[in-house]
Amino acid sequence: MNIFGVGLPEMAIIFVVALLIFGPKKLPEIGRSLGKAIKGVQEASQEFQDELKKETEAIEKIAKTTMEATLDPKPPAPEPQAIAAAIDGAVEGQALETVEAEKDAPA
């Protein structure tokens, strides 16, 4: 059995020393406090790992989007003035065709 890199013989020695220092009445309270501290460290470690994973995924998503944008650039959208000029040109062209058709039509 190996917990935190400490084997069973080392744990027994630590327990005996703690028993001599703190006494049998205080040892259960110290054990509870130590257990709570270890649990808190484990929870903080898990929370840190989860947050790190979430941030790593977000960075990878941004990097992928940036890479796609640089490899496959889309043409810029036409400016509103260019669109308006094209529409005006088309409307004028249709108007001229209508006027010419009326001139050529027999009366």
N, C-alpha and C. Protein backbone atom coordinates (compact mmCIF):
# COMPACT_ATOMS: atom_id res chain seq x y z
N MET A 1 0.85 -1.18 0.00
CA MET A 1 0.00 0.00 0.00
C MET A 1 0.89 1.23 0.00
N ASN A 2 0.60 2.18 -0.89
CA ASN A 2 1.46 3.34 -1.06
C ASN A 2 0.58 4.58 -1.24
N ILE A 3 0.53 5.45 -0.26
CA ILE A 3 -0.27 6.66 -0.32
C ILE A 3 0.66 7.86 -0.27
N PHE A 4 0.58 8.72 -1.28
CA PHE A 4 1.43 9.92 -1.38
C PHE A 4 2.92 9.56 -1.33
N GLY A 5 3.27 8.40 -1.86
CA GLY A 5 4.67 7.99 -1.87
C GLY A 5 5.16 7.49 -0.52
N VAL A 6 4.24 7.28 0.42
CA VAL A 6 4.62 6.81 1.76
C VAL A 6 4.09 5.39 1.92
N GLY A 7 4.99 4.46 2.21
CA GLY A 7 4.61 3.06 2.37
C GLY A 7 4.04 2.78 3.75
N LEU A 8 3.65 1.53 3.97
CA LEU A 8 3.04 1.13 5.24
C LEU A 8 3.99 1.27 6.43
N PRO A 9 5.26 0.89 6.32
CA PRO A 9 6.15 1.07 7.48
C PRO A 9 6.33 2.54 7.86
N GLU A 10 6.46 3.40 6.85
CA GLU A 10 6.62 4.83 7.15
C GLU A 10 5.36 5.39 7.80
N MET A 11 4.19 4.94 7.33
CA MET A 11 2.93 5.42 7.92
C MET A 11 2.82 4.99 9.38
N ALA A 12 3.25 3.78 9.70
CA ALA A 12 3.20 3.31 11.08
C ALA A 12 4.10 4.16 11.97
N ILE A 13 5.27 4.49 11.48
CA ILE A 13 6.20 5.33 12.25
C ILE A 13 5.60 6.72 12.46
N ILE A 14 5.02 7.29 11.42
CA ILE A 14 4.39 8.61 11.53
C ILE A 14 3.25 8.56 12.55
N PHE A 15 2.45 7.49 12.51
CA PHE A 15 1.34 7.35 13.45
C PHE A 15 1.84 7.27 14.89
N VAL A 16 2.87 6.50 15.13
CA VAL A 16 3.42 6.36 16.49
C VAL A 16 3.97 7.69 16.98
N VAL A 17 4.70 8.41 16.13
CA VAL A 17 5.25 9.72 16.52
C VAL A 17 4.12 10.69 16.81
N ALA A 18 3.09 10.71 15.97
CA ALA A 18 1.95 11.60 16.20
C ALA A 18 1.24 11.23 17.50
N LEU A 19 1.13 9.96 17.79
CA LEU A 19 0.50 9.51 19.02
C LEU A 19 1.29 9.98 20.24
N LEU A 20 2.61 9.91 20.14
CA LEU A 20 3.46 10.37 21.25
C LEU A 20 3.39 11.89 21.43
N ILE A 21 3.33 12.62 20.32
CA ILE A 21 3.34 14.08 20.41
C ILE A 21 1.98 14.61 20.87
N PHE A 22 0.91 14.16 20.23
CA PHE A 22 -0.41 14.75 20.49
C PHE A 22 -1.23 13.99 21.53
N GLY A 23 -0.94 12.75 21.76
CA GLY A 23 -1.70 11.98 22.74
C GLY A 23 -2.92 11.33 22.11
N PRO A 24 -3.48 10.32 22.78
CA PRO A 24 -4.60 9.58 22.21
C PRO A 24 -5.90 10.37 22.15
N LYS A 25 -6.07 11.38 22.99
CA LYS A 25 -7.32 12.15 22.98
C LYS A 25 -7.36 13.14 21.83
N LYS A 26 -6.24 13.71 21.47
CA LYS A 26 -6.19 14.75 20.44
C LYS A 26 -6.03 14.16 19.03
N LEU A 27 -5.55 12.94 18.92
CA LEU A 27 -5.25 12.33 17.63
C LEU A 27 -6.47 12.22 16.70
N PRO A 28 -7.66 11.78 17.17
CA PRO A 28 -8.82 11.72 16.26
C PRO A 28 -9.20 13.09 15.68
N GLU A 29 -9.10 14.13 16.50
CA GLU A 29 -9.42 15.48 16.02
C GLU A 29 -8.42 15.91 14.94
N ILE A 30 -7.17 15.63 15.16
CA ILE A 30 -6.14 15.97 14.16
C ILE A 30 -6.35 15.16 12.89
N GLY A 31 -6.74 13.90 13.03
CA GLY A 31 -7.03 13.06 11.86
C GLY A 31 -8.17 13.62 11.04
N ARG A 32 -9.23 14.07 11.71
CA ARG A 32 -10.36 14.67 10.99
C ARG A 32 -9.92 15.94 10.27
N SER A 33 -9.17 16.77 10.97
CA SER A 33 -8.69 18.02 10.36
C SER A 33 -7.81 17.73 9.15
N LEU A 34 -6.94 16.74 9.30
CA LEU A 34 -6.06 16.37 8.19
C LEU A 34 -6.87 15.81 7.02
N GLY A 35 -7.88 15.00 7.33
CA GLY A 35 -8.75 14.47 6.27
C GLY A 35 -9.49 15.57 5.53
N LYS A 36 -10.02 16.55 6.27
CA LYS A 36 -10.71 17.67 5.64
C LYS A 36 -9.76 18.48 4.77
N ALA A 37 -8.53 18.67 5.26
CA ALA A 37 -7.54 19.43 4.49
C ALA A 37 -7.19 18.70 3.20
N ILE A 38 -7.01 17.39 3.28
CA ILE A 38 -6.69 16.61 2.08
C ILE A 38 -7.85 16.66 1.10
N LYS A 39 -9.08 16.54 1.61
CA LYS A 39 -10.26 16.61 0.75
C LYS A 39 -10.34 17.98 0.06
N GLY A 40 -10.06 19.05 0.81
CA GLY A 40 -10.08 20.39 0.22
C GLY A 40 -9.04 20.55 -0.86
N VAL A 41 -7.86 20.01 -0.64
CA VAL A 41 -6.80 20.08 -1.65
C VAL A 41 -7.20 19.30 -2.89
N GLN A 42 -7.79 18.13 -2.71
CA GLN A 42 -8.23 17.33 -3.85
C GLN A 42 -9.32 18.05 -4.64
N GLU A 43 -10.28 18.66 -3.95
CA GLU A 43 -11.34 19.40 -4.64
C GLU A 43 -10.78 20.59 -5.41
N ALA A 44 -9.85 21.31 -4.78
CA ALA A 44 -9.23 22.45 -5.46
C ALA A 44 -8.44 21.99 -6.68
N SER A 45 -7.76 20.87 -6.54
CA SER A 45 -7.00 20.32 -7.66
C SER A 45 -7.93 19.93 -8.81
N GLN A 46 -9.04 19.28 -8.48
CA GLN A 46 -10.01 18.88 -9.51
C GLN A 46 -10.62 20.10 -10.19
N GLU A 47 -10.96 21.11 -9.40
CA GLU A 47 -11.52 22.34 -9.96
C GLU A 47 -10.51 23.01 -10.89
N PHE A 48 -9.25 23.04 -10.48
CA PHE A 48 -8.21 23.63 -11.31
C PHE A 48 -8.06 22.86 -12.62
N GLN A 49 -8.08 21.53 -12.55
CA GLN A 49 -7.96 20.72 -13.76
C GLN A 49 -9.15 20.94 -14.69
N ASP A 50 -10.36 21.02 -14.13
CA ASP A 50 -11.55 21.27 -14.95
C ASP A 50 -11.47 22.62 -15.63
N GLU A 51 -11.06 23.65 -14.88
CA GLU A 51 -10.96 24.99 -15.45
C GLU A 51 -9.88 25.04 -16.52
N LEU A 52 -8.77 24.38 -16.28
CA LEU A 52 -7.68 24.34 -17.26
C LEU A 52 -8.14 23.64 -18.53
N LYS A 53 -8.88 22.56 -18.39
CA LYS A 53 -9.39 21.83 -19.56
C LYS A 53 -10.37 22.70 -20.35
N LYS A 54 -11.25 23.41 -19.64
CA LYS A 54 -12.22 24.28 -20.30
C LYS A 54 -11.51 25.39 -21.08
N GLU A 55 -10.53 26.01 -20.46
CA GLU A 55 -9.79 27.10 -21.12
C GLU A 55 -8.98 26.57 -22.30
N THR A 56 -8.40 25.38 -22.17
CA THR A 56 -7.63 24.79 -23.26
C THR A 56 -8.54 24.52 -24.45
N GLU A 57 -9.73 24.01 -24.20
CA GLU A 57 -10.68 23.75 -25.29
C GLU A 57 -11.09 25.05 -25.97
N ALA A 58 -11.29 26.11 -25.19
CA ALA A 58 -11.66 27.41 -25.77
C ALA A 58 -10.53 27.94 -26.64
N ILE A 59 -9.29 27.81 -26.18
CA ILE A 59 -8.15 28.29 -26.97
C ILE A 59 -8.01 27.47 -28.24
N GLU A 60 -8.20 26.15 -28.16
CA GLU A 60 -8.12 25.31 -29.35
C GLU A 60 -9.21 25.68 -30.35
N LYS A 61 -10.40 26.00 -29.87
CA LYS A 61 -11.49 26.39 -30.76
C LYS A 61 -11.15 27.69 -31.47
N ILE A 62 -10.60 28.65 -30.74
CA ILE A 62 -10.21 29.93 -31.34
C ILE A 62 -9.10 29.71 -32.36
N ALA A 63 -8.12 28.88 -32.02
CA ALA A 63 -7.02 28.60 -32.94
C ALA A 63 -7.53 27.93 -34.21
N LYS A 64 -8.47 27.00 -34.07
CA LYS A 64 -9.04 26.32 -35.23
C LYS A 64 -9.79 27.31 -36.12
N THR A 65 -10.58 28.18 -35.51
CA THR A 65 -11.32 29.18 -36.27
C THR A 65 -10.37 30.12 -36.99
N THR A 66 -9.31 30.55 -36.31
CA THR A 66 -8.33 31.43 -36.92
C THR A 66 -7.63 30.74 -38.07
N MET A 67 -7.27 29.47 -37.89
CA MET A 67 -6.59 28.72 -38.94
C MET A 67 -7.50 28.56 -40.15
N GLU A 68 -8.77 28.26 -39.92
CA GLU A 68 -9.71 28.12 -41.03
C GLU A 68 -9.87 29.44 -41.77
N ALA A 69 -9.90 30.53 -41.04
CA ALA A 69 -10.06 31.85 -41.66
C ALA A 69 -8.85 32.20 -42.51
N THR A 70 -7.65 31.83 -42.08
CA THR A 70 -6.46 32.17 -42.85
C THR A 70 -6.29 31.24 -44.04
N LEU A 71 -6.72 29.99 -43.93
CA LEU A 71 -6.57 29.05 -45.04
C LEU A 71 -7.67 29.20 -46.08
N ASP A 72 -8.84 29.63 -45.69
CA ASP A 72 -9.97 29.75 -46.61
C ASP A 72 -10.61 31.13 -46.47
N PRO A 73 -9.89 32.17 -46.94
CA PRO A 73 -10.47 33.51 -46.78
C PRO A 73 -11.68 33.70 -47.69
N LYS A 74 -12.68 34.31 -47.17
CA LYS A 74 -13.88 34.60 -47.95
C LYS A 74 -13.71 35.98 -48.60
N PRO A 75 -14.26 36.15 -49.80
CA PRO A 75 -14.13 37.47 -50.44
C PRO A 75 -14.87 38.52 -49.63
N PRO A 76 -14.36 39.74 -49.64
CA PRO A 76 -15.04 40.79 -48.87
C PRO A 76 -16.42 41.08 -49.45
N ALA A 77 -17.32 41.45 -48.60
CA ALA A 77 -18.68 41.79 -49.03
C ALA A 77 -18.64 43.08 -49.84
N PRO A 78 -19.44 43.17 -50.89
CA PRO A 78 -19.44 44.40 -51.69
C PRO A 78 -19.96 45.58 -50.86
N GLU A 79 -19.44 46.74 -51.18
CA GLU A 79 -19.86 47.93 -50.46
C GLU A 79 -21.27 48.34 -50.89
N PRO A 80 -22.00 49.01 -50.03
CA PRO A 80 -23.37 49.41 -50.36
C PRO A 80 -23.44 50.30 -51.61
N GLN A 81 -22.43 51.18 -51.82
CA GLN A 81 -22.46 52.04 -53.01
C GLN A 81 -22.36 51.21 -54.28
N ALA A 82 -21.54 50.16 -54.27
CA ALA A 82 -21.39 49.32 -55.45
C ALA A 82 -22.69 48.59 -55.74
N ILE A 83 -23.36 48.14 -54.70
CA ILE A 83 -24.64 47.45 -54.88
C ILE A 83 -25.67 48.42 -55.46
N ALA A 84 -25.71 49.63 -54.91
CA ALA A 84 -26.67 50.64 -55.40
C ALA A 84 -26.39 50.98 -56.85
N ALA A 85 -25.12 51.12 -57.23
CA ALA A 85 -24.78 51.44 -58.62
C ALA A 85 -25.19 50.31 -59.55
N ALA A 86 -25.00 49.08 -59.15
CA ALA A 86 -25.39 47.94 -59.98
C ALA A 86 -26.90 47.90 -60.17
N ILE A 87 -27.64 48.19 -59.11
CA ILE A 87 -29.11 48.21 -59.21
C ILE A 87 -29.56 49.34 -60.13
N ASP A 88 -28.97 50.53 -59.95
CA ASP A 88 -29.32 51.66 -60.81
C ASP A 88 -29.02 51.35 -62.27
N GLY A 89 -27.88 50.72 -62.53
CA GLY A 89 -27.51 50.37 -63.90
C GLY A 89 -28.50 49.39 -64.49
N ALA A 90 -28.92 48.42 -63.72
CA ALA A 90 -29.87 47.43 -64.21
C ALA A 90 -31.22 48.07 -64.49
N VAL A 91 -31.66 48.96 -63.61
CA VAL A 91 -32.95 49.63 -63.80
C VAL A 91 -32.91 50.52 -65.04
N GLU A 92 -31.82 51.29 -65.22
CA GLU A 92 -31.69 52.16 -66.39
C GLU A 92 -31.64 51.34 -67.67
N GLY A 93 -30.95 50.19 -67.63
CA GLY A 93 -30.87 49.32 -68.81
C GLY A 93 -32.24 48.81 -69.20
N GLN A 94 -33.05 48.44 -68.24
CA GLN A 94 -34.40 47.96 -68.52
C GLN A 94 -35.26 49.10 -69.06
N ALA A 95 -35.08 50.30 -68.52
CA ALA A 95 -35.86 51.45 -68.99
C ALA A 95 -35.51 51.77 -70.44
N LEU A 96 -34.23 51.73 -70.81
CA LEU A 96 -33.82 52.00 -72.18
C LEU A 96 -34.36 50.94 -73.13
N GLU A 97 -34.34 49.68 -72.72
CA GLU A 97 -34.87 48.62 -73.56
C GLU A 97 -36.37 48.82 -73.79
N THR A 98 -37.08 49.26 -72.77
CA THR A 98 -38.52 49.48 -72.90
C THR A 98 -38.79 50.63 -73.86
N VAL A 99 -38.03 51.73 -73.75
CA VAL A 99 -38.22 52.89 -74.64
C VAL A 99 -37.90 52.50 -76.07
N GLU A 100 -36.82 51.76 -76.29
CA GLU A 100 -36.45 51.35 -77.65
C GLU A 100 -37.48 50.40 -78.22
N ALA A 101 -38.03 49.53 -77.41
CA ALA A 101 -39.05 48.61 -77.87
C ALA A 101 -40.31 49.36 -78.28
N GLU A 102 -40.65 50.43 -77.57
CA GLU A 102 -41.83 51.22 -77.91
C GLU A 102 -41.61 51.98 -79.22
N LYS A 103 -40.39 52.44 -79.47
CA LYS A 103 -40.09 53.15 -80.71
C LYS A 103 -40.18 52.20 -81.90
N ASP A 104 -39.68 50.99 -81.74
CA ASP A 104 -39.65 50.03 -82.83
C ASP A 104 -41.02 49.39 -83.06
N ALA A 105 -41.89 49.44 -82.12
CA ALA A 105 -43.19 48.80 -82.25
C ALA A 105 -44.05 49.60 -83.23
N PRO A 106 -44.81 48.91 -84.09
CA PRO A 106 -45.69 49.62 -85.03
C PRO A 106 -46.85 50.28 -84.27
N ALA A 107 -47.19 51.42 -84.73
CA ALA A 107 -48.23 52.20 -84.07
C ALA A 107 -49.59 51.92 -84.58
